[in-house]
Amino acid sequence: MDRRQFCLTTLATMAAWIGSFAWSADLVLAEVCPDTVNPADYWVSEKLDGVRAYWDGQALRFRSGRRIAAPDWFVASLPKAPLDGELWMGHGTFERLSGTVRRTTPVDEEWQAVRYMIFELPEAEGDFTVRAAAMRRLVVHVNRRWVQAVEQFRVADRFELQQRLDAVVAQGGEGLMLHRADAAYVTGRSEVLLKLKPWQDAEAVVIAHQPGQGKYAGRMGALRLRTPEGLEFDLGTGFADVVRQTPPPVGSTVTYRYTGRTAEGVPRFARYWRRREPE
């Protein structure tokens, strides 16, 4: 290869690489469901613990915009219009799912277990009641077992909402989503979309590893974390043995769960959940 050909090839490679990141979409993001909300005004669905996936009409993408290397057969029947949803394998399968969908070369056998669960039609006209009906019609038209609409249902009051939440959590689910029935499509965080869970979760950056003592001697005892607000605290529970042996590295981002905060803002009963994989 002569120098000119080498330069052209290099430029083409760089252009393709840059193009893979030169994408963005404003997506709807959920707020925490307040106690004062009237759930009768909302459609309710299970909050799936999967990987958010936006279909731009040509490719599946992570929320960051990076392209998901899905098999051609998986996306061949999807429409040209944008879709928003969750890649999902079922309850308790997040780690396996994450490994599957983040491969640069898809493995067909692994993708056979993945479903694309659609929960929104970005930029579509009509309120959410209209869009929910359109999603149901769309999956019937697509007619592929791995393309499904997230089930939407109505509840009468807070008591029935709590019953539904308890049932979902008992089955290994994460919580519920509430989407206002009369809302047009919007982007960003809004009370149009609410999340309801028996716990809260947040992310923080690992800034140090605290050595373990007693039965954890020779392994990680706790992670020293820094929140986006600058608060630092130690997270010492919720770790499997394999995580204590090979903890998330300094500089990585982890998700933890908690049930409230102290007067100083420190999360109460915080437990490690998982490491956030870069997108």
Protein backbone atom coordinates (compact mmCIF):
# COMPACT_ATOMS: atom_id res chain seq x y z
CA MET A 1 0.00 0.00 0.00
CA ASP A 2 1.47 3.37 -1.01
CA ARG A 3 1.40 6.43 1.21
CA ARG A 4 -1.62 7.98 -0.49
CA GLN A 5 -3.68 4.81 -0.11
CA PHE A 6 -2.58 4.51 3.51
CA CYS A 7 -3.71 8.08 4.24
CA LEU A 8 -7.08 7.58 2.54
CA THR A 9 -7.67 4.34 4.42
CA THR A 10 -6.72 5.98 7.73
CA LEU A 11 -9.04 8.94 7.11
CA ALA A 12 -11.91 6.63 6.20
CA THR A 13 -11.38 4.61 9.37
CA MET A 14 -11.30 7.74 11.52
CA ALA A 15 -14.42 9.12 9.86
CA ALA A 16 -16.30 5.89 10.55
CA TRP A 17 -15.11 5.87 14.16
CA ILE A 18 -16.13 9.48 14.74
CA GLY A 19 -19.44 8.87 13.01
CA SER A 20 -20.25 6.10 15.43
CA PHE A 21 -20.32 8.72 18.20
CA ALA A 22 -21.78 11.61 16.23
CA TRP A 23 -25.36 10.89 17.25
CA SER A 24 -27.63 12.11 19.91
CA ALA A 25 -31.30 11.90 20.77
CA ASP A 26 -33.27 13.64 23.48
CA LEU A 27 -35.10 10.87 25.33
CA VAL A 28 -37.78 10.95 27.97
CA LEU A 29 -36.37 10.35 31.46
CA ALA A 30 -38.29 9.40 34.59
CA GLU A 31 -38.73 11.32 37.82
CA VAL A 32 -39.26 9.59 41.18
CA CYS A 33 -42.98 9.07 41.83
CA PRO A 34 -44.20 11.41 44.59
CA ASP A 35 -46.69 10.30 47.23
CA THR A 36 -49.14 12.95 46.05
CA VAL A 37 -49.57 11.62 42.50
CA ASN A 38 -52.95 10.23 41.45
CA PRO A 39 -52.10 6.94 39.69
CA ALA A 40 -55.51 6.86 38.00
CA ASP A 41 -54.16 9.52 35.61
CA TYR A 42 -51.38 7.20 34.40
CA TRP A 43 -50.73 4.05 32.45
CA VAL A 44 -48.61 1.71 34.59
CA SER A 45 -46.04 -0.88 33.51
CA GLU A 46 -43.26 -2.94 35.04
CA LYS A 47 -39.86 -1.22 35.22
CA LEU A 48 -37.61 -3.63 33.37
CA ASP A 49 -34.04 -4.08 34.56
CA GLY A 50 -32.52 -4.19 31.09
CA VAL A 51 -30.44 -2.06 28.75
CA ARG A 52 -32.06 1.06 27.29
CA ALA A 53 -32.08 0.85 23.50
CA TYR A 54 -33.17 3.55 21.05
CA TRP A 55 -34.01 2.54 17.48
CA ASP A 56 -33.33 5.51 15.17
CA GLY A 57 -34.87 3.86 12.12
CA GLN A 58 -31.61 2.27 11.01
CA ALA A 59 -29.71 1.09 14.07
CA LEU A 60 -30.14 0.26 17.75
CA ARG A 61 -28.21 2.60 20.01
CA PHE A 62 -27.35 2.91 23.68
CA ARG A 63 -28.58 6.00 25.48
CA SER A 64 -25.12 7.51 24.89
CA GLY A 65 -25.62 7.18 21.13
CA ARG A 66 -23.09 4.41 20.62
CA ARG A 67 -24.34 1.79 18.19
CA ILE A 68 -25.39 -1.60 19.55
CA ALA A 69 -24.00 -4.47 17.48
CA ALA A 70 -27.26 -6.37 17.14
CA PRO A 71 -27.58 -9.22 14.61
CA ASP A 72 -29.14 -8.26 11.28
CA TRP A 73 -32.05 -10.68 11.82
CA PHE A 74 -32.86 -9.03 15.16
CA VAL A 75 -33.51 -5.59 13.62
CA ALA A 76 -34.54 -6.53 10.07
CA SER A 77 -38.28 -6.16 10.73
CA LEU A 78 -38.16 -2.94 12.74
CA PRO A 79 -39.80 0.10 11.10
CA LYS A 80 -38.04 3.18 9.75
CA ALA A 81 -39.69 5.26 12.48
CA PRO A 82 -37.89 5.71 15.85
CA LEU A 83 -38.64 3.44 18.80
CA ASP A 84 -37.60 3.55 22.44
CA GLY A 85 -37.41 0.49 24.63
CA GLU A 86 -35.41 -1.93 26.70
CA LEU A 87 -33.33 -4.92 25.70
CA TRP A 88 -34.30 -7.59 28.22
CA MET A 89 -33.75 -11.27 28.99
CA GLY A 90 -35.91 -11.62 32.08
CA HIS A 91 -35.63 -11.08 35.82
CA GLY A 92 -32.17 -11.46 37.33
CA THR A 93 -30.32 -11.61 34.01
CA PHE A 94 -28.84 -8.13 33.74
CA GLU A 95 -25.18 -9.16 33.88
CA ARG A 96 -25.63 -11.79 31.17
CA LEU A 97 -27.65 -9.36 29.04
CA SER A 98 -25.07 -6.61 29.45
CA GLY A 99 -22.31 -8.93 28.27
CA THR A 100 -24.35 -9.98 25.24
CA VAL A 101 -25.40 -6.56 23.95
CA ARG A 102 -22.01 -4.91 24.50
CA ARG A 103 -20.06 -7.34 22.32
CA THR A 104 -18.62 -5.68 19.23
CA THR A 105 -19.45 -8.84 17.29
CA PRO A 106 -22.88 -10.26 18.14
CA VAL A 107 -23.29 -13.91 19.05
CA ASP A 108 -26.52 -15.21 17.53
CA GLU A 109 -27.04 -17.89 20.17
CA GLU A 110 -26.92 -15.27 22.93
CA TRP A 111 -29.21 -12.84 21.12
CA GLN A 112 -31.86 -15.57 20.76
CA ALA A 113 -32.70 -14.94 24.42
CA VAL A 114 -32.95 -11.14 24.06
CA ARG A 115 -36.22 -9.29 23.58
CA TYR A 116 -36.74 -5.70 22.49
CA MET A 117 -39.45 -4.38 24.81
CA ILE A 118 -40.89 -1.19 23.30
CA PHE A 119 -42.31 1.40 25.69
CA GLU A 120 -42.40 4.61 23.62
CA LEU A 121 -42.79 5.98 20.09
CA PRO A 122 -40.58 9.08 20.02
CA GLU A 123 -41.93 12.03 18.07
CA ALA A 124 -45.25 10.27 17.40
CA GLU A 125 -48.47 12.25 17.48
CA GLY A 126 -51.21 11.80 20.03
CA ASP A 127 -51.20 11.34 23.79
CA PHE A 128 -49.70 8.28 25.47
CA THR A 129 -52.99 6.39 25.34
CA VAL A 130 -52.92 6.75 21.55
CA ARG A 131 -49.23 5.83 21.36
CA ALA A 132 -49.69 2.76 23.58
CA ALA A 133 -52.35 1.45 21.21
CA ALA A 134 -50.04 2.18 18.26
CA MET A 135 -47.25 0.17 19.92
CA ARG A 136 -49.55 -2.83 20.30
CA ARG A 137 -50.49 -2.64 16.62
CA LEU A 138 -46.85 -2.25 15.63
CA VAL A 139 -45.67 -5.45 17.33
CA VAL A 140 -48.55 -7.39 15.75
CA HIS A 141 -47.46 -6.05 12.35
CA VAL A 142 -43.76 -6.83 12.98
CA ASN A 143 -44.71 -10.34 14.15
CA ARG A 144 -41.37 -11.32 15.66
CA ARG A 145 -41.27 -13.04 19.06
CA TRP A 146 -38.33 -10.88 20.19
CA VAL A 147 -40.14 -7.58 19.48
CA GLN A 148 -42.78 -6.88 22.12
CA ALA A 149 -44.62 -3.93 23.62
CA VAL A 150 -44.26 -3.45 27.36
CA GLU A 151 -47.63 -4.26 28.93
CA GLN A 152 -49.49 -1.13 30.04
CA PHE A 153 -52.33 -1.27 32.57
CA ARG A 154 -54.42 1.10 34.70
CA VAL A 155 -54.98 1.19 38.46
CA ALA A 156 -57.68 2.95 40.40
CA ASP A 157 -55.77 4.31 43.40
CA ARG A 158 -52.59 4.21 45.52
CA PHE A 159 -53.70 1.01 47.26
CA GLU A 160 -53.96 -0.90 43.99
CA LEU A 161 -50.70 0.65 42.81
CA GLN A 162 -48.92 -0.63 45.94
CA GLN A 163 -50.40 -4.09 45.40
CA ARG A 164 -49.04 -4.13 41.85
CA LEU A 165 -45.63 -2.99 43.08
CA ASP A 166 -45.50 -5.69 45.73
CA ALA A 167 -46.43 -8.35 43.16
CA VAL A 168 -43.73 -7.22 40.70
CA VAL A 169 -41.03 -7.11 43.39
CA ALA A 170 -42.07 -10.56 44.67
CA GLN A 171 -41.45 -11.93 41.17
CA GLY A 172 -37.95 -10.45 41.09
CA GLY A 173 -38.88 -7.22 39.32
CA GLU A 174 -37.42 -3.80 40.00
CA GLY A 175 -40.52 -1.61 40.27
CA LEU A 176 -43.14 0.22 38.22
CA MET A 177 -43.25 3.01 35.64
CA LEU A 178 -46.14 5.47 35.42
CA HIS A 179 -46.73 7.32 32.14
CA ARG A 180 -49.35 10.06 32.15
CA ALA A 181 -52.18 8.92 29.88
CA ASP A 182 -52.95 12.32 28.34
CA ALA A 183 -49.34 13.41 27.77
CA ALA A 184 -47.84 14.23 24.40
CA TYR A 185 -44.32 12.96 23.77
CA VAL A 186 -41.76 15.04 25.66
CA THR A 187 -38.05 14.69 26.32
CA GLY A 188 -35.91 15.17 29.41
CA ARG A 189 -37.01 14.61 33.00
CA SER A 190 -40.67 15.30 33.59
CA GLU A 191 -43.60 14.19 35.74
CA VAL A 192 -45.04 12.81 32.51
CA LEU A 193 -42.96 9.69 33.33
CA LEU A 194 -42.49 8.48 36.91
CA LYS A 195 -40.68 5.53 38.49
CA LEU A 196 -41.80 3.76 41.64
CA LYS A 197 -39.48 1.36 43.45
CA PRO A 198 -39.19 0.03 47.02
CA TRP A 199 -35.73 1.60 47.19
CA GLN A 200 -33.84 4.39 45.54
CA ASP A 201 -30.65 4.04 43.53
CA ALA A 202 -27.86 6.40 42.58
CA GLU A 203 -24.41 6.38 41.00
CA ALA A 204 -21.04 7.39 42.37
CA VAL A 205 -17.39 7.20 41.34
CA VAL A 206 -14.95 4.85 43.09
CA ILE A 207 -12.10 6.91 44.56
CA ALA A 208 -10.43 4.26 46.76
CA HIS A 209 -10.53 0.67 48.00
CA GLN A 210 -10.69 0.19 51.77
CA PRO A 211 -8.92 -3.01 52.95
CA GLY A 212 -11.04 -5.75 54.47
CA GLN A 213 -10.72 -7.09 58.00
CA GLY A 214 -11.66 -10.35 59.66
CA LYS A 215 -13.22 -12.72 57.11
CA TYR A 216 -12.54 -10.12 54.39
CA ALA A 217 -8.83 -9.83 55.19
CA GLY A 218 -6.78 -9.74 52.00
CA ARG A 219 -9.77 -8.54 49.99
CA MET A 220 -11.68 -5.32 49.50
CA GLY A 221 -13.65 -4.33 52.56
CA ALA A 222 -15.42 -1.25 51.24
CA LEU A 223 -15.45 1.16 48.33
CA ARG A 224 -14.81 4.82 48.99
CA LEU A 225 -17.25 6.67 46.76
CA ARG A 226 -17.77 10.25 45.62
CA THR A 227 -21.22 11.34 44.45
CA PRO A 228 -21.77 13.90 41.65
CA GLU A 229 -22.48 16.44 44.42
CA GLY A 230 -19.04 15.82 45.95
CA LEU A 231 -20.20 13.80 48.98
CA GLU A 232 -17.78 11.01 49.97
CA PHE A 233 -18.75 7.88 51.92
CA ASP A 234 -17.78 4.22 52.33
CA LEU A 235 -19.92 1.49 50.78
CA GLY A 236 -19.28 -1.82 52.52
CA THR A 237 -22.25 -4.14 51.93
CA GLY A 238 -23.93 -5.89 49.05
CA PHE A 239 -20.80 -7.36 47.48
CA ALA A 240 -20.50 -10.91 46.20
CA ASP A 241 -17.20 -12.64 47.03
CA VAL A 242 -16.02 -12.31 43.43
CA VAL A 243 -16.52 -8.53 43.60
CA ARG A 244 -14.55 -8.28 46.83
CA GLN A 245 -11.78 -10.27 45.19
CA THR A 246 -11.74 -8.11 42.04
CA PRO A 247 -13.48 -4.84 42.95
CA PRO A 248 -14.51 -2.11 40.50
CA PRO A 249 -11.36 -0.10 39.74
CA VAL A 250 -10.72 3.41 40.98
CA GLY A 251 -12.31 5.82 38.52
CA SER A 252 -15.16 3.51 37.56
CA THR A 253 -18.82 4.29 38.26
CA VAL A 254 -21.00 2.03 40.38
CA THR A 255 -24.69 1.97 41.23
CA TYR A 256 -25.86 1.53 44.82
CA ARG A 257 -29.28 1.23 46.41
CA TYR A 258 -30.46 2.96 49.57
CA THR A 259 -33.62 3.74 51.55
CA GLY A 260 -33.22 7.39 52.49
CA ARG A 261 -30.58 9.88 53.59
CA THR A 262 -29.24 11.20 56.87
CA ALA A 263 -29.38 14.89 57.79
CA GLU A 264 -25.87 15.16 56.31
CA GLY A 265 -27.06 13.66 53.01
CA VAL A 266 -25.36 10.27 53.43
CA PRO A 267 -27.40 7.39 51.96
CA ARG A 268 -29.02 5.17 54.59
CA PHE A 269 -28.61 1.37 54.38
CA ALA A 270 -26.64 1.72 51.15
CA ARG A 271 -25.80 -1.53 49.34
CA TYR A 272 -23.70 -2.15 46.26
CA TRP A 273 -25.77 -3.08 43.22
CA ARG A 274 -23.47 -3.25 40.20
CA ARG A 275 -20.81 -1.52 38.16
CA ARG A 276 -22.03 0.71 35.37
CA GLU A 277 -20.54 -0.39 32.10
CA PRO A 278 -19.38 2.43 29.80
CA GLU A 279 -21.56 3.07 26.79
